Amino acid sequence: MSFVRRLDADALREQPWANGTGSTLLIDSGPDPDQWQWRLSMARIEHDGPFSTLPDTRRAFVPLDVPIRLRFQDGRERELLRLSRMTFDGGDAPHAELIDGATRAFNLMLRGDAQAQLIARPLNGSMLLPVRANSRWYVHLLSGRAQLHVADETYALDSGDHVWVAPEPGTRTQLEGGGEVILVELGGVGAP
């Protein structure tokens, strides 16, 4: 059976980074919040500084407002435009440099055998969300308005909405509208 669950944005809690140099809005984690294998969050990056070192954690990172430069200890450097994605080992924490001022950034963190993919993109028209066995989708409408169609049900989404959808295999699942969207397909590790 398919389910759709909205997250109450007012109930999301902000917490300091492990290294104390920034703060993060924790969106969701699981299957156990204390011993999570997957975690979704939105960080505020207000000044240059190091990311927290998170050993045994795989990270996917997307700047949401303006570009940012990440410098790694081995000399690698990557400038990321807004809505572009980078993956890296959480044990190799980069140093962030703000290019055009403060930004928010979306983070997907994975541990153990957790599998997920992160997509950040404009939404212009409609897109199908593939339905795979034992997977579910997190949808965050960063800006704009949209409708989420799951089988015969339609859910209106406004800018800032956070939604989990777990379609039953064979269920047509479609997102339609205009704006910008963050999507995470999470497979097989503890239902949100």
N, C-alpha and C. Protein backbone atom coordinates (compact mmCIF):
# COMPACT_ATOMS: atom_id res chain seq x y z
N MET A 1 0.84 -1.18 0.00
CA MET A 1 0.00 0.00 0.00
C MET A 1 0.89 1.25 0.00
N SER A 2 0.59 2.21 -0.83
CA SER A 2 1.35 3.46 -0.92
C SER A 2 1.04 4.35 0.27
N PHE A 3 2.03 5.15 0.68
CA PHE A 3 1.75 6.16 1.69
C PHE A 3 2.47 7.45 1.34
N VAL A 4 1.88 8.56 1.79
CA VAL A 4 2.47 9.88 1.65
C VAL A 4 2.42 10.52 3.03
N ARG A 5 3.57 11.04 3.49
CA ARG A 5 3.63 11.66 4.81
C ARG A 5 4.34 13.01 4.70
N ARG A 6 3.63 14.06 5.10
CA ARG A 6 4.24 15.40 5.14
C ARG A 6 4.99 15.56 6.44
N LEU A 7 6.14 16.23 6.35
CA LEU A 7 6.88 16.57 7.55
C LEU A 7 6.49 17.99 7.94
N ASP A 8 6.27 18.20 9.21
CA ASP A 8 5.91 19.53 9.72
C ASP A 8 7.19 20.36 9.82
N ALA A 9 7.34 21.34 8.95
CA ALA A 9 8.55 22.16 8.92
C ALA A 9 8.79 22.85 10.27
N ASP A 10 7.72 23.19 11.00
CA ASP A 10 7.88 23.85 12.30
C ASP A 10 8.42 22.92 13.37
N ALA A 11 8.31 21.59 13.13
CA ALA A 11 8.77 20.62 14.11
C ALA A 11 10.22 20.20 13.88
N LEU A 12 10.80 20.61 12.77
CA LEU A 12 12.19 20.23 12.49
C LEU A 12 13.10 21.00 13.43
N ARG A 13 14.15 20.32 13.90
CA ARG A 13 15.01 20.96 14.90
C ARG A 13 16.38 21.29 14.33
N GLU A 14 16.86 22.45 14.76
CA GLU A 14 18.19 22.89 14.37
C GLU A 14 19.18 22.46 15.44
N GLN A 15 20.36 22.02 15.01
CA GLN A 15 21.38 21.58 15.96
C GLN A 15 22.75 22.05 15.48
N PRO A 16 23.68 22.22 16.42
CA PRO A 16 25.03 22.66 16.03
C PRO A 16 25.78 21.54 15.31
N TRP A 17 26.69 21.93 14.44
CA TRP A 17 27.58 20.94 13.81
C TRP A 17 28.42 20.27 14.88
N ALA A 18 28.91 19.08 14.58
CA ALA A 18 29.75 18.35 15.52
C ALA A 18 30.98 19.17 15.90
N ASN A 19 31.52 19.99 14.96
CA ASN A 19 32.71 20.79 15.29
C ASN A 19 32.35 22.18 15.81
N GLY A 20 31.05 22.49 15.93
CA GLY A 20 30.61 23.74 16.52
C GLY A 20 30.72 24.98 15.65
N THR A 21 31.09 24.84 14.37
CA THR A 21 31.30 26.02 13.54
C THR A 21 30.10 26.41 12.68
N GLY A 22 29.00 25.70 12.79
CA GLY A 22 27.80 26.01 12.02
C GLY A 22 26.59 25.32 12.63
N SER A 23 25.48 25.38 11.93
CA SER A 23 24.27 24.70 12.43
C SER A 23 23.57 24.01 11.27
N THR A 24 22.78 23.02 11.62
CA THR A 24 22.08 22.17 10.65
C THR A 24 20.65 21.98 11.07
N LEU A 25 19.75 22.06 10.10
CA LEU A 25 18.35 21.71 10.32
C LEU A 25 18.22 20.23 10.01
N LEU A 26 18.00 19.41 11.03
CA LEU A 26 17.83 17.98 10.84
C LEU A 26 16.44 17.73 10.28
N ILE A 27 16.37 17.12 9.09
CA ILE A 27 15.08 16.85 8.45
C ILE A 27 14.56 15.49 8.85
N ASP A 28 15.40 14.45 8.73
CA ASP A 28 14.98 13.10 9.09
C ASP A 28 16.21 12.20 9.10
N SER A 29 16.13 11.09 9.83
CA SER A 29 17.20 10.11 9.86
C SER A 29 16.61 8.77 10.28
N GLY A 30 17.34 7.72 10.00
CA GLY A 30 16.80 6.41 10.36
C GLY A 30 17.79 5.29 10.09
N PRO A 31 17.42 4.07 10.35
CA PRO A 31 16.15 3.68 10.95
C PRO A 31 16.05 4.04 12.43
N ASP A 32 17.20 4.23 13.11
CA ASP A 32 17.23 4.65 14.50
C ASP A 32 17.88 6.04 14.53
N PRO A 33 17.19 7.06 15.03
CA PRO A 33 17.75 8.41 15.01
C PRO A 33 19.11 8.54 15.71
N ASP A 34 19.38 7.70 16.71
CA ASP A 34 20.66 7.78 17.42
C ASP A 34 21.77 7.01 16.73
N GLN A 35 21.44 5.93 16.03
CA GLN A 35 22.41 5.11 15.30
C GLN A 35 22.01 5.08 13.83
N TRP A 36 21.87 6.25 13.24
CA TRP A 36 21.32 6.35 11.89
C TRP A 36 22.24 5.73 10.84
N GLN A 37 21.58 5.25 9.78
CA GLN A 37 22.30 4.78 8.59
C GLN A 37 22.09 5.76 7.44
N TRP A 38 21.05 6.56 7.52
CA TRP A 38 20.81 7.62 6.55
C TRP A 38 20.33 8.86 7.31
N ARG A 39 20.69 10.01 6.76
CA ARG A 39 20.31 11.26 7.42
C ARG A 39 20.17 12.35 6.36
N LEU A 40 19.10 13.12 6.47
CA LEU A 40 18.84 14.27 5.58
C LEU A 40 18.88 15.53 6.43
N SER A 41 19.60 16.54 5.94
CA SER A 41 19.68 17.77 6.71
C SER A 41 19.95 18.94 5.77
N MET A 42 19.75 20.14 6.31
CA MET A 42 20.01 21.36 5.57
C MET A 42 20.88 22.26 6.45
N ALA A 43 22.13 22.48 6.03
CA ALA A 43 23.09 23.25 6.83
C ALA A 43 23.04 24.72 6.46
N ARG A 44 23.33 25.56 7.44
CA ARG A 44 23.55 26.99 7.22
C ARG A 44 25.06 27.20 7.23
N ILE A 45 25.58 27.74 6.15
CA ILE A 45 27.02 28.01 6.08
C ILE A 45 27.14 29.53 5.95
N GLU A 46 27.54 30.17 7.06
CA GLU A 46 27.52 31.62 7.13
C GLU A 46 28.91 32.24 7.08
N HIS A 47 29.96 31.43 7.18
CA HIS A 47 31.32 31.93 7.07
C HIS A 47 32.24 30.80 6.64
N ASP A 48 33.41 31.14 6.15
CA ASP A 48 34.39 30.15 5.77
C ASP A 48 34.75 29.30 6.98
N GLY A 49 35.02 28.02 6.74
CA GLY A 49 35.44 27.16 7.84
C GLY A 49 35.36 25.70 7.49
N PRO A 50 35.86 24.86 8.39
CA PRO A 50 35.90 23.42 8.14
C PRO A 50 34.55 22.75 8.37
N PHE A 51 34.29 21.71 7.57
CA PHE A 51 33.15 20.84 7.84
C PHE A 51 33.52 19.91 9.00
N SER A 52 32.54 19.33 9.64
CA SER A 52 32.78 18.33 10.68
C SER A 52 33.33 17.06 10.02
N THR A 53 34.27 16.41 10.69
CA THR A 53 34.79 15.13 10.23
C THR A 53 33.84 14.04 10.67
N LEU A 54 33.35 13.25 9.72
CA LEU A 54 32.39 12.18 10.00
C LEU A 54 32.90 10.88 9.41
N PRO A 55 33.77 10.17 10.15
CA PRO A 55 34.33 8.91 9.64
C PRO A 55 33.23 7.90 9.32
N ASP A 56 33.51 7.03 8.37
CA ASP A 56 32.59 5.97 7.97
C ASP A 56 31.24 6.50 7.49
N THR A 57 31.25 7.70 6.92
CA THR A 57 30.03 8.32 6.40
C THR A 57 30.28 8.78 4.97
N ARG A 58 29.35 8.42 4.09
CA ARG A 58 29.40 8.91 2.71
C ARG A 58 28.45 10.10 2.62
N ARG A 59 28.93 11.18 1.97
CA ARG A 59 28.14 12.41 1.92
C ARG A 59 27.83 12.81 0.49
N ALA A 60 26.63 13.32 0.28
CA ALA A 60 26.26 14.02 -0.95
C ALA A 60 25.81 15.40 -0.51
N PHE A 61 26.29 16.42 -1.22
CA PHE A 61 26.19 17.81 -0.78
C PHE A 61 25.74 18.68 -1.95
N VAL A 62 24.77 19.58 -1.71
CA VAL A 62 24.25 20.48 -2.74
C VAL A 62 24.09 21.88 -2.16
N PRO A 63 24.83 22.89 -2.67
CA PRO A 63 24.57 24.27 -2.23
C PRO A 63 23.24 24.75 -2.80
N LEU A 64 22.46 25.43 -1.97
CA LEU A 64 21.09 25.80 -2.37
C LEU A 64 20.92 27.25 -2.78
N ASP A 65 21.76 28.15 -2.30
CA ASP A 65 21.53 29.57 -2.55
C ASP A 65 22.55 30.22 -3.47
N VAL A 66 23.81 29.99 -3.21
CA VAL A 66 24.89 30.59 -4.00
C VAL A 66 26.02 29.55 -4.13
N PRO A 67 26.97 29.79 -5.04
CA PRO A 67 28.10 28.86 -5.18
C PRO A 67 28.95 28.81 -3.92
N ILE A 68 29.72 27.73 -3.80
CA ILE A 68 30.63 27.54 -2.68
C ILE A 68 31.86 26.78 -3.20
N ARG A 69 32.99 27.02 -2.56
CA ARG A 69 34.22 26.29 -2.93
C ARG A 69 34.58 25.36 -1.77
N LEU A 70 34.88 24.10 -2.10
CA LEU A 70 35.33 23.14 -1.10
C LEU A 70 36.79 22.80 -1.38
N ARG A 71 37.62 22.89 -0.34
CA ARG A 71 39.04 22.54 -0.43
C ARG A 71 39.31 21.36 0.49
N PHE A 72 39.94 20.32 -0.07
CA PHE A 72 40.23 19.11 0.69
C PHE A 72 41.70 19.10 1.10
N GLN A 73 42.01 18.31 2.13
CA GLN A 73 43.36 18.27 2.69
C GLN A 73 44.41 17.81 1.68
N ASP A 74 44.01 17.00 0.69
CA ASP A 74 44.97 16.51 -0.30
C ASP A 74 45.22 17.52 -1.42
N GLY A 75 44.64 18.72 -1.30
CA GLY A 75 44.85 19.75 -2.31
C GLY A 75 43.74 19.85 -3.35
N ARG A 76 42.84 18.88 -3.37
CA ARG A 76 41.71 18.98 -4.31
C ARG A 76 40.87 20.19 -3.96
N GLU A 77 40.31 20.79 -5.00
CA GLU A 77 39.45 21.96 -4.82
C GLU A 77 38.29 21.84 -5.81
N ARG A 78 37.10 22.16 -5.34
CA ARG A 78 35.94 22.08 -6.23
C ARG A 78 35.02 23.25 -5.95
N GLU A 79 34.71 24.01 -7.01
CA GLU A 79 33.73 25.08 -6.90
C GLU A 79 32.39 24.53 -7.37
N LEU A 80 31.40 24.62 -6.51
CA LEU A 80 30.08 24.09 -6.82
C LEU A 80 29.09 25.23 -7.05
N LEU A 81 28.43 25.22 -8.18
CA LEU A 81 27.35 26.15 -8.44
C LEU A 81 26.14 25.73 -7.63
N ARG A 82 25.19 26.62 -7.42
CA ARG A 82 23.99 26.24 -6.67
C ARG A 82 23.26 25.12 -7.42
N LEU A 83 22.72 24.19 -6.69
CA LEU A 83 22.00 23.01 -7.15
C LEU A 83 22.91 21.98 -7.84
N SER A 84 24.24 22.16 -7.77
CA SER A 84 25.12 21.11 -8.27
C SER A 84 25.49 20.19 -7.10
N ARG A 85 25.79 18.94 -7.41
CA ARG A 85 25.97 17.92 -6.37
C ARG A 85 27.40 17.43 -6.35
N MET A 86 27.88 17.16 -5.15
CA MET A 86 29.20 16.55 -4.99
C MET A 86 29.08 15.47 -3.93
N THR A 87 29.76 14.35 -4.16
CA THR A 87 29.83 13.29 -3.15
C THR A 87 31.27 13.21 -2.65
N PHE A 88 31.42 12.89 -1.36
CA PHE A 88 32.76 12.74 -0.79
C PHE A 88 32.68 11.94 0.50
N ASP A 89 33.82 11.47 0.94
CA ASP A 89 33.94 10.69 2.17
C ASP A 89 33.88 11.66 3.35
N GLY A 90 32.99 11.39 4.29
CA GLY A 90 32.83 12.27 5.44
C GLY A 90 34.05 12.34 6.34
N GLY A 91 34.94 11.32 6.25
CA GLY A 91 36.17 11.36 7.02
C GLY A 91 37.18 12.34 6.44
N ASP A 92 36.99 12.75 5.19
CA ASP A 92 37.85 13.71 4.51
C ASP A 92 37.11 15.05 4.46
N ALA A 93 36.93 15.66 5.62
CA ALA A 93 36.12 16.87 5.73
C ALA A 93 36.78 18.05 5.03
N PRO A 94 36.09 18.68 4.08
CA PRO A 94 36.67 19.83 3.38
C PRO A 94 36.56 21.11 4.20
N HIS A 95 37.26 22.11 3.72
CA HIS A 95 37.16 23.47 4.24
C HIS A 95 36.28 24.24 3.25
N ALA A 96 35.24 24.89 3.73
CA ALA A 96 34.31 25.62 2.87
C ALA A 96 34.74 27.07 2.74
N GLU A 97 34.67 27.58 1.52
CA GLU A 97 34.93 29.00 1.26
C GLU A 97 33.72 29.58 0.56
N LEU A 98 33.14 30.60 1.15
CA LEU A 98 31.98 31.26 0.56
C LEU A 98 32.44 32.20 -0.55
N ILE A 99 31.78 32.10 -1.69
CA ILE A 99 32.17 32.90 -2.85
C ILE A 99 31.33 34.16 -2.95
N ASP A 100 30.02 34.00 -2.78
CA ASP A 100 29.08 35.12 -2.92
C ASP A 100 28.22 35.32 -1.68
N GLY A 101 28.74 34.99 -0.51
CA GLY A 101 27.98 35.16 0.71
C GLY A 101 27.47 33.84 1.26
N ALA A 102 26.72 33.94 2.34
CA ALA A 102 26.21 32.76 3.04
C ALA A 102 25.29 31.94 2.15
N THR A 103 25.22 30.65 2.47
CA THR A 103 24.34 29.75 1.72
C THR A 103 23.78 28.69 2.65
N ARG A 104 22.73 28.08 2.21
CA ARG A 104 22.26 26.84 2.81
C ARG A 104 22.75 25.71 1.91
N ALA A 105 22.87 24.51 2.48
CA ALA A 105 23.28 23.36 1.68
C ALA A 105 22.50 22.14 2.13
N PHE A 106 22.07 21.34 1.17
CA PHE A 106 21.37 20.09 1.48
C PHE A 106 22.40 18.99 1.60
N ASN A 107 22.25 18.15 2.63
CA ASN A 107 23.17 17.05 2.88
C ASN A 107 22.42 15.73 2.96
N LEU A 108 22.92 14.74 2.25
CA LEU A 108 22.50 13.35 2.39
C LEU A 108 23.71 12.62 2.94
N MET A 109 23.54 11.96 4.09
CA MET A 109 24.64 11.21 4.69
C MET A 109 24.22 9.75 4.81
N LEU A 110 25.16 8.86 4.46
CA LEU A 110 24.89 7.42 4.45
C LEU A 110 25.98 6.68 5.21
N ARG A 111 25.58 5.64 5.93
CA ARG A 111 26.52 4.77 6.64
C ARG A 111 26.19 3.32 6.33
N GLY A 112 27.16 2.46 6.55
CA GLY A 112 26.95 1.02 6.36
C GLY A 112 26.53 0.72 4.94
N ASP A 113 25.49 -0.13 4.82
CA ASP A 113 25.05 -0.53 3.47
C ASP A 113 23.87 0.30 2.96
N ALA A 114 23.60 1.43 3.61
CA ALA A 114 22.50 2.30 3.15
C ALA A 114 22.79 2.79 1.73
N GLN A 115 21.76 2.81 0.91
CA GLN A 115 21.88 3.27 -0.48
C GLN A 115 20.84 4.35 -0.75
N ALA A 116 21.26 5.41 -1.43
CA ALA A 116 20.34 6.49 -1.78
C ALA A 116 20.95 7.30 -2.91
N GLN A 117 20.10 8.04 -3.59
CA GLN A 117 20.59 9.00 -4.59
C GLN A 117 19.94 10.34 -4.32
N LEU A 118 20.71 11.41 -4.55
CA LEU A 118 20.27 12.78 -4.32
C LEU A 118 20.20 13.49 -5.67
N ILE A 119 19.07 14.16 -5.91
CA ILE A 119 18.86 14.91 -7.15
C ILE A 119 18.41 16.31 -6.76
N ALA A 120 19.03 17.33 -7.34
CA ALA A 120 18.61 18.72 -7.15
C ALA A 120 18.44 19.31 -8.54
N ARG A 121 17.26 19.86 -8.82
CA ARG A 121 17.03 20.32 -10.20
C ARG A 121 15.85 21.27 -10.30
N PRO A 122 15.80 22.01 -11.40
CA PRO A 122 14.59 22.77 -11.68
C PRO A 122 13.44 21.81 -11.98
N LEU A 123 12.25 22.24 -11.66
CA LEU A 123 11.04 21.50 -12.00
C LEU A 123 10.26 22.39 -12.96
N ASN A 124 10.09 21.89 -14.17
CA ASN A 124 9.38 22.65 -15.19
C ASN A 124 8.51 21.67 -15.97
N GLY A 125 7.27 21.52 -15.53
CA GLY A 125 6.39 20.52 -16.15
C GLY A 125 6.25 19.32 -15.24
N SER A 126 6.40 18.12 -15.81
CA SER A 126 6.19 16.93 -14.99
C SER A 126 7.36 15.98 -15.11
N MET A 127 7.55 15.19 -14.07
CA MET A 127 8.57 14.15 -14.05
C MET A 127 8.04 12.95 -13.28
N LEU A 128 8.35 11.77 -13.79
CA LEU A 128 7.98 10.54 -13.11
C LEU A 128 9.03 10.21 -12.08
N LEU A 129 8.60 9.72 -10.93
CA LEU A 129 9.51 9.20 -9.92
C LEU A 129 9.50 7.68 -10.06
N PRO A 130 10.61 7.07 -10.45
CA PRO A 130 10.63 5.62 -10.62
C PRO A 130 10.24 4.92 -9.32
N VAL A 131 9.46 3.88 -9.44
CA VAL A 131 9.02 3.11 -8.27
C VAL A 131 9.76 1.78 -8.29
N ARG A 132 10.59 1.57 -7.26
CA ARG A 132 11.35 0.33 -7.14
C ARG A 132 10.95 -0.34 -5.84
N ALA A 133 11.07 -1.65 -5.81
CA ALA A 133 10.74 -2.40 -4.59
C ALA A 133 11.61 -1.91 -3.43
N ASN A 134 11.00 -1.77 -2.27
CA ASN A 134 11.69 -1.36 -1.03
C ASN A 134 12.37 -0.01 -1.11
N SER A 135 11.85 0.90 -1.92
CA SER A 135 12.41 2.25 -1.93
C SER A 135 11.31 3.27 -1.67
N ARG A 136 11.74 4.46 -1.28
CA ARG A 136 10.81 5.55 -1.04
C ARG A 136 11.50 6.84 -1.45
N TRP A 137 10.69 7.87 -1.66
CA TRP A 137 11.19 9.17 -2.11
C TRP A 137 10.95 10.23 -1.05
N TYR A 138 11.96 11.07 -0.85
CA TYR A 138 11.81 12.31 -0.09
C TYR A 138 11.74 13.42 -1.13
N VAL A 139 10.76 14.31 -0.99
CA VAL A 139 10.57 15.42 -1.92
C VAL A 139 10.56 16.71 -1.10
N HIS A 140 11.45 17.64 -1.48
CA HIS A 140 11.45 18.97 -0.85
C HIS A 140 11.30 19.99 -1.97
N LEU A 141 10.21 20.73 -1.93
CA LEU A 141 10.02 21.79 -2.92
C LEU A 141 10.75 23.02 -2.43
N LEU A 142 11.89 23.27 -3.03
CA LEU A 142 12.75 24.38 -2.62
C LEU A 142 12.11 25.71 -2.97
N SER A 143 11.46 25.78 -4.14
CA SER A 143 10.74 26.98 -4.55
C SER A 143 9.62 26.57 -5.49
N GLY A 144 8.63 27.44 -5.64
CA GLY A 144 7.56 27.20 -6.59
C GLY A 144 6.35 26.49 -5.99
N ARG A 145 5.57 25.87 -6.90
CA ARG A 145 4.37 25.12 -6.52
C ARG A 145 4.35 23.86 -7.36
N ALA A 146 3.79 22.79 -6.79
CA ALA A 146 3.75 21.52 -7.52
C ALA A 146 2.61 20.68 -7.01
N GLN A 147 2.35 19.61 -7.75
CA GLN A 147 1.40 18.58 -7.32
C GLN A 147 2.12 17.25 -7.40
N LEU A 148 1.91 16.45 -6.38
CA LEU A 148 2.44 15.09 -6.34
C LEU A 148 1.27 14.15 -6.59
N HIS A 149 1.37 13.36 -7.65
CA HIS A 149 0.32 12.40 -8.00
C HIS A 149 0.81 11.01 -7.65
N VAL A 150 0.09 10.33 -6.77
CA VAL A 150 0.41 8.95 -6.40
C VAL A 150 -0.85 8.13 -6.62
N ALA A 151 -0.80 7.28 -7.65
CA ALA A 151 -1.99 6.53 -8.07
C ALA A 151 -3.11 7.52 -8.35
N ASP A 152 -4.25 7.43 -7.66
CA ASP A 152 -5.39 8.31 -7.91
C ASP A 152 -5.44 9.51 -6.97
N GLU A 153 -4.44 9.66 -6.11
CA GLU A 153 -4.42 10.76 -5.14
C GLU A 153 -3.51 11.89 -5.63
N THR A 154 -3.88 13.14 -5.31
CA THR A 154 -3.08 14.31 -5.65
C THR A 154 -2.83 15.12 -4.39
N TYR A 155 -1.57 15.54 -4.21
CA TYR A 155 -1.16 16.31 -3.04
C TYR A 155 -0.55 17.62 -3.52
N ALA A 156 -1.07 18.74 -3.06
CA ALA A 156 -0.53 20.05 -3.43
C ALA A 156 0.71 20.33 -2.60
N LEU A 157 1.77 20.82 -3.26
CA LEU A 157 3.01 21.17 -2.57
C LEU A 157 3.32 22.63 -2.80
N ASP A 158 3.68 23.32 -1.73
CA ASP A 158 4.10 24.71 -1.80
C ASP A 158 5.58 24.81 -1.46
N SER A 159 6.17 25.92 -1.80
CA SER A 159 7.58 26.16 -1.51
C SER A 159 7.86 25.88 -0.03
N GLY A 160 8.91 25.10 0.23
CA GLY A 160 9.29 24.77 1.60
C GLY A 160 8.73 23.47 2.12
N ASP A 161 7.80 22.83 1.39
CA ASP A 161 7.21 21.57 1.86
C ASP A 161 8.20 20.42 1.79
N HIS A 162 8.09 19.52 2.78
CA HIS A 162 8.89 18.30 2.86
C HIS A 162 7.90 17.13 2.88
N VAL A 163 8.10 16.14 2.01
CA VAL A 163 7.15 15.03 1.92
C VAL A 163 7.92 13.72 1.71
N TRP A 164 7.48 12.66 2.39
CA TRP A 164 7.94 11.30 2.10
C TRP A 164 6.84 10.60 1.31
N VAL A 165 7.22 9.86 0.29
CA VAL A 165 6.25 9.05 -0.44
C VAL A 165 6.87 7.68 -0.67
N ALA A 166 6.10 6.66 -0.33
CA ALA A 166 6.51 5.27 -0.54
C ALA A 166 5.46 4.62 -1.42
N PRO A 167 5.63 4.69 -2.72
CA PRO A 167 4.63 4.12 -3.62
C PRO A 167 4.72 2.60 -3.65
N GLU A 168 3.59 1.98 -3.74
CA GLU A 168 3.54 0.53 -3.92
C GLU A 168 4.06 0.22 -5.32
N PRO A 169 4.84 -0.86 -5.48
CA PRO A 169 5.33 -1.20 -6.82
C PRO A 169 4.19 -1.23 -7.84
N GLY A 170 4.47 -0.64 -8.99
CA GLY A 170 3.46 -0.56 -10.05
C GLY A 170 2.60 0.69 -9.99
N THR A 171 2.79 1.51 -8.95
CA THR A 171 2.00 2.73 -8.78
C THR A 171 2.65 3.88 -9.55
N ARG A 172 1.88 4.53 -10.39
CA ARG A 172 2.40 5.70 -11.12
C ARG A 172 2.57 6.85 -10.13
N THR A 173 3.78 7.39 -10.06
CA THR A 173 4.11 8.47 -9.14
C THR A 173 4.75 9.59 -9.95
N GLN A 174 4.12 10.77 -9.90
CA GLN A 174 4.53 11.87 -10.77
C GLN A 174 4.52 13.17 -10.00
N LEU A 175 5.52 14.00 -10.28
CA LEU A 175 5.62 15.34 -9.71
C LEU A 175 5.42 16.32 -10.86
N GLU A 176 4.56 17.31 -10.64
CA GLU A 176 4.20 18.22 -11.72
C GLU A 176 4.12 19.64 -11.17
N GLY A 177 4.75 20.59 -11.87
CA GLY A 177 4.67 21.98 -11.44
C GLY A 177 5.84 22.78 -11.93
N GLY A 178 6.16 23.85 -11.21
CA GLY A 178 7.26 24.73 -11.57
C GLY A 178 8.00 25.19 -10.34
N GLY A 179 9.31 25.26 -10.44
CA GLY A 179 10.13 25.70 -9.32
C GLY A 179 11.44 24.94 -9.28
N GLU A 180 11.89 24.61 -8.08
CA GLU A 180 13.11 23.84 -7.88
C GLU A 180 12.83 22.79 -6.82
N VAL A 181 13.42 21.61 -7.01
CA VAL A 181 13.10 20.48 -6.14
C VAL A 181 14.37 19.74 -5.73
N ILE A 182 14.34 19.24 -4.50
CA ILE A 182 15.36 18.32 -4.00
C ILE A 182 14.67 16.97 -3.84
N LEU A 183 15.27 15.94 -4.41
CA LEU A 183 14.71 14.59 -4.34
C LEU A 183 15.76 13.64 -3.80
N VAL A 184 15.33 12.73 -2.93
CA VAL A 184 16.21 11.65 -2.46
C VAL A 184 15.44 10.35 -2.63
N GLU A 185 16.03 9.42 -3.36
CA GLU A 185 15.46 8.07 -3.42
C GLU A 185 16.25 7.22 -2.45
N LEU A 186 15.57 6.72 -1.43
CA LEU A 186 16.19 5.93 -0.37
C LEU A 186 15.76 4.49 -0.54
N GLY A 187 16.70 3.58 -0.57
CA GLY A 187 16.38 2.17 -0.78
C GLY A 187 16.66 1.32 0.43
N GLY A 188 15.67 0.56 0.85
CA GLY A 188 15.82 -0.58 1.73
C GLY A 188 16.29 -0.43 3.16
N VAL A 189 16.48 0.75 3.72
CA VAL A 189 17.01 0.85 5.08
C VAL A 189 16.06 1.62 5.96
N GLY A 190 15.13 0.94 6.61
CA GLY A 190 14.24 1.56 7.59
C GLY A 190 13.33 2.62 7.05
N ALA A 191 12.06 2.35 7.03
CA ALA A 191 11.07 3.30 6.51
C ALA A 191 11.06 4.57 7.36
N PRO A 192 10.96 5.72 6.71
CA PRO A 192 10.87 6.97 7.46
C PRO A 192 9.50 7.13 8.10
